[in-house]
Protein backbone atom coordinates (compact mmCIF):
# COMPACT_ATOMS: atom_id res chain seq x y z
CA MET A 1 -56.39 72.67 26.58
CA THR A 2 -58.85 74.36 24.26
CA HIS A 3 -61.99 75.73 25.87
CA ARG A 4 -65.21 75.95 23.88
CA ALA A 5 -68.04 78.46 24.24
CA LEU A 6 -71.44 78.44 22.54
CA ILE A 7 -73.08 81.84 22.06
CA VAL A 8 -76.71 81.45 21.05
CA VAL A 9 -78.28 84.16 18.91
CA ALA A 10 -81.74 84.90 17.58
CA GLU A 11 -83.31 87.64 15.53
CA GLY A 12 -83.34 90.78 17.70
CA VAL A 13 -80.53 89.98 20.16
CA ASP A 14 -78.65 92.93 21.60
CA ASP A 15 -75.89 94.08 19.24
CA LEU A 16 -73.36 95.30 21.81
CA GLN A 17 -73.77 92.32 24.15
CA SER A 18 -73.43 89.78 21.34
CA VAL A 19 -70.41 91.33 19.66
CA THR A 20 -68.64 92.05 22.98
CA LEU A 21 -69.03 88.43 24.08
CA ILE A 22 -67.75 87.06 20.78
CA ASP A 23 -64.80 89.47 20.68
CA VAL A 24 -63.60 89.10 24.29
CA LEU A 25 -63.93 85.30 24.39
CA ARG A 26 -62.00 85.00 21.13
CA ARG A 27 -59.28 87.32 22.46
CA ALA A 28 -58.94 84.80 25.31
CA GLU A 29 -58.36 82.10 22.67
CA ILE A 30 -61.56 80.35 23.64
CA GLU A 31 -63.10 78.58 20.65
CA VAL A 32 -66.35 80.48 20.13
CA VAL A 33 -69.21 78.97 18.16
CA VAL A 34 -72.07 81.36 17.40
CA ALA A 35 -75.27 79.37 16.87
CA SER A 36 -78.55 80.61 15.44
CA ILE A 37 -81.87 79.26 16.67
CA GLU A 38 -83.61 80.72 13.62
CA GLY A 39 -84.01 78.95 10.29
CA ARG A 40 -81.01 80.89 8.91
CA ARG A 41 -77.49 81.92 9.86
CA MET A 42 -77.80 85.64 8.94
CA LEU A 43 -79.62 87.64 11.62
CA THR A 44 -80.40 91.27 12.36
CA CYS A 45 -79.69 92.42 15.91
CA ALA A 46 -81.92 94.82 17.86
CA ARG A 47 -80.13 97.94 16.58
CA GLY A 48 -79.70 96.80 12.98
CA THR A 49 -76.27 95.14 13.11
CA ARG A 50 -76.15 92.13 10.77
CA LEU A 51 -74.66 89.04 12.37
CA THR A 52 -73.77 85.76 10.68
CA ALA A 53 -73.81 82.74 12.96
CA ASP A 54 -71.23 79.99 12.53
CA GLY A 55 -73.98 77.39 12.38
CA MET A 56 -77.42 76.31 13.43
CA LEU A 57 -78.05 75.29 17.05
CA VAL A 58 -79.90 72.13 16.02
CA ASP A 59 -76.72 70.93 14.24
CA LEU A 60 -74.57 71.55 17.34
CA LEU A 61 -76.69 69.94 20.07
CA ALA A 62 -74.49 66.85 20.42
CA GLN A 63 -71.27 68.86 20.81
CA PRO A 64 -69.82 69.58 24.27
CA PHE A 65 -69.18 73.17 25.39
CA ASP A 66 -67.49 74.49 28.53
CA LEU A 67 -69.78 77.52 28.44
CA MET A 68 -73.17 78.44 26.94
CA VAL A 69 -74.13 82.12 26.77
CA LEU A 70 -77.40 83.86 25.94
CA PRO A 71 -77.13 87.55 25.02
CA GLY A 72 -80.05 89.82 25.86
CA GLY A 73 -82.28 91.85 23.61
CA GLU A 74 -86.00 91.61 24.34
CA LYS A 75 -87.09 90.27 20.94
CA GLY A 76 -84.23 87.76 20.71
CA VAL A 77 -84.86 86.48 24.23
CA GLN A 78 -88.56 85.99 23.43
CA HIS A 79 -87.48 83.70 20.57
CA MET A 80 -85.07 81.84 22.89
CA GLU A 81 -87.68 81.30 25.62
CA LEU A 82 -89.85 79.37 23.18
CA HIS A 83 -87.05 77.30 21.63
CA GLN A 84 -87.35 73.84 23.21
CA PRO A 85 -84.06 72.36 21.92
CA LEU A 86 -82.19 75.36 23.40
CA GLY A 87 -84.04 74.95 26.69
CA GLN A 88 -83.07 71.29 26.85
CA GLN A 89 -79.45 72.10 25.97
CA VAL A 90 -79.25 74.69 28.78
CA LYS A 91 -80.80 72.23 31.28
CA ASP A 92 -78.27 69.57 30.26
CA GLN A 93 -75.40 72.08 30.56
CA ALA A 94 -76.56 73.09 34.06
CA ARG A 95 -77.05 69.47 35.17
CA ALA A 96 -73.56 68.56 33.94
CA GLY A 97 -72.09 71.31 36.14
CA LYS A 98 -70.79 73.23 33.13
CA PHE A 99 -71.05 77.00 32.89
CA PHE A 100 -74.18 78.64 31.54
CA ALA A 101 -74.64 82.39 31.40
CA ALA A 102 -76.94 85.17 30.27
CA ILE A 103 -76.96 88.97 30.17
CA GLY A 104 -79.63 91.67 29.97
CA GLU A 105 -83.00 90.03 29.38
CA GLY A 106 -81.25 86.69 28.71
CA PRO A 107 -81.82 85.43 32.28
CA LEU A 108 -85.57 85.47 31.54
CA ALA A 109 -84.93 82.60 29.12
CA LEU A 110 -82.90 80.79 31.82
CA GLN A 111 -85.87 81.22 34.15
CA ALA A 112 -88.22 79.81 31.48
CA TYR A 113 -85.98 76.72 31.30
CA GLY A 114 -86.15 76.26 35.09
CA VAL A 115 -82.41 76.56 35.77
CA LEU A 116 -82.51 79.65 38.02
CA ARG A 117 -84.51 78.17 40.91
CA GLN A 118 -83.06 79.30 44.25
CA ARG A 119 -80.03 80.87 42.54
CA ARG A 120 -78.56 84.31 43.13
CA MET A 121 -78.67 86.11 39.80
CA THR A 122 -79.06 89.44 38.06
CA CYS A 123 -80.53 90.73 34.82
CA ASP A 124 -81.62 93.97 33.21
CA PRO A 125 -83.24 95.76 36.19
CA ASP A 126 -86.35 96.51 34.08
CA ALA A 127 -86.78 92.77 33.49
CA SER A 128 -86.31 91.83 37.16
CA GLN A 129 -90.05 92.31 37.85
CA GLN A 130 -90.71 89.25 35.68
CA LEU A 131 -88.57 86.92 37.82
CA SER A 132 -89.77 84.40 40.37
CA GLY A 133 -88.17 81.57 42.29
CA CYS A 134 -84.68 83.08 42.21
CA ASN A 135 -82.86 85.78 44.17
CA PHE A 136 -82.29 88.98 42.18
CA VAL A 137 -79.10 90.80 43.20
CA ASP A 138 -78.65 94.39 42.01
CA GLN A 139 -75.04 93.99 40.83
CA ALA A 140 -73.48 94.24 37.38
CA VAL A 141 -72.35 90.58 37.33
CA VAL A 142 -73.39 87.73 39.64
CA LEU A 143 -71.75 84.31 39.88
CA ASP A 144 -73.69 81.47 41.54
CA GLY A 145 -71.91 78.16 41.05
CA ASN A 146 -71.91 77.39 37.34
CA CYS A 147 -74.45 80.16 36.55
CA ILE A 148 -73.19 83.62 35.58
CA THR A 149 -75.56 86.51 34.90
CA ALA A 150 -75.18 90.21 34.13
CA GLN A 151 -77.40 93.28 34.00
CA GLY A 152 -77.00 94.62 30.49
CA SER A 153 -74.92 96.38 27.88
CA ALA A 154 -73.11 98.61 30.38
CA ALA A 155 -71.85 95.42 32.06
CA ALA A 156 -71.04 93.54 28.82
CA LEU A 157 -67.25 93.91 29.05
CA GLN A 158 -67.15 93.07 32.78
CA PHE A 159 -69.43 90.06 32.10
CA ALA A 160 -67.28 88.80 29.21
CA LEU A 161 -64.13 89.09 31.34
CA ALA A 162 -65.85 87.21 34.20
CA LEU A 163 -66.67 84.42 31.75
CA VAL A 164 -63.05 84.32 30.59
CA GLU A 165 -61.84 84.09 34.19
CA GLN A 166 -64.20 81.21 35.00
CA VAL A 167 -63.49 79.23 31.84
CA ALA A 168 -59.83 80.00 31.08
CA GLY A 169 -58.45 81.24 34.41
CA ARG A 170 -57.33 84.44 36.08
CA ALA A 171 -54.05 84.78 34.14
CA VAL A 172 -55.85 84.72 30.77
CA CYS A 173 -58.45 87.17 32.09
CA LYS A 174 -55.71 89.58 33.22
CA ARG A 175 -53.97 89.34 29.84
CA VAL A 176 -57.17 90.09 27.91
CA ALA A 177 -58.12 92.93 30.28
CA ALA A 178 -54.67 94.47 29.79
CA GLU A 179 -55.02 94.19 25.99
CA LEU A 180 -58.34 96.02 26.28
CA GLY A 181 -56.91 98.68 28.61
CA VAL A 182 -59.18 97.85 31.55
């Protein structure tokens, strides 16, 4: 069975978080689709890395995904928070009981969409002051049902492996971790 993951990107997303997610999920043989919410596929990440999305989010809205992930990066997350089609897609994903996830400042967008209410979650500790209606946990990665959140770039590999374990299983996660030497 092929698993599918949607990684949503915007101008100014965090370089390390985005690339780590794409790399680790693909190593797990999860079909990864990188979708831009901007009016173009070529984006510049927060630290200057150029990233080319596979497609535009608006063209992918009708497709099913086992997992949706929002990388952090303050500027990118600000774009995501205001993107109504993305917000609706995340709400639909959550309602369907499918996995949705965010790292760094990314959970602020999840909060803006209303899908973190009463959930245990984490995010970049500097961004935690902006949260309300959810339970911040000071841990690298937090799993609450179908919601997975992580603190930031230092947790990117652990977060990506947690996503692999939830979507593809423990055996695949162990294989990928071994390949990476962790």
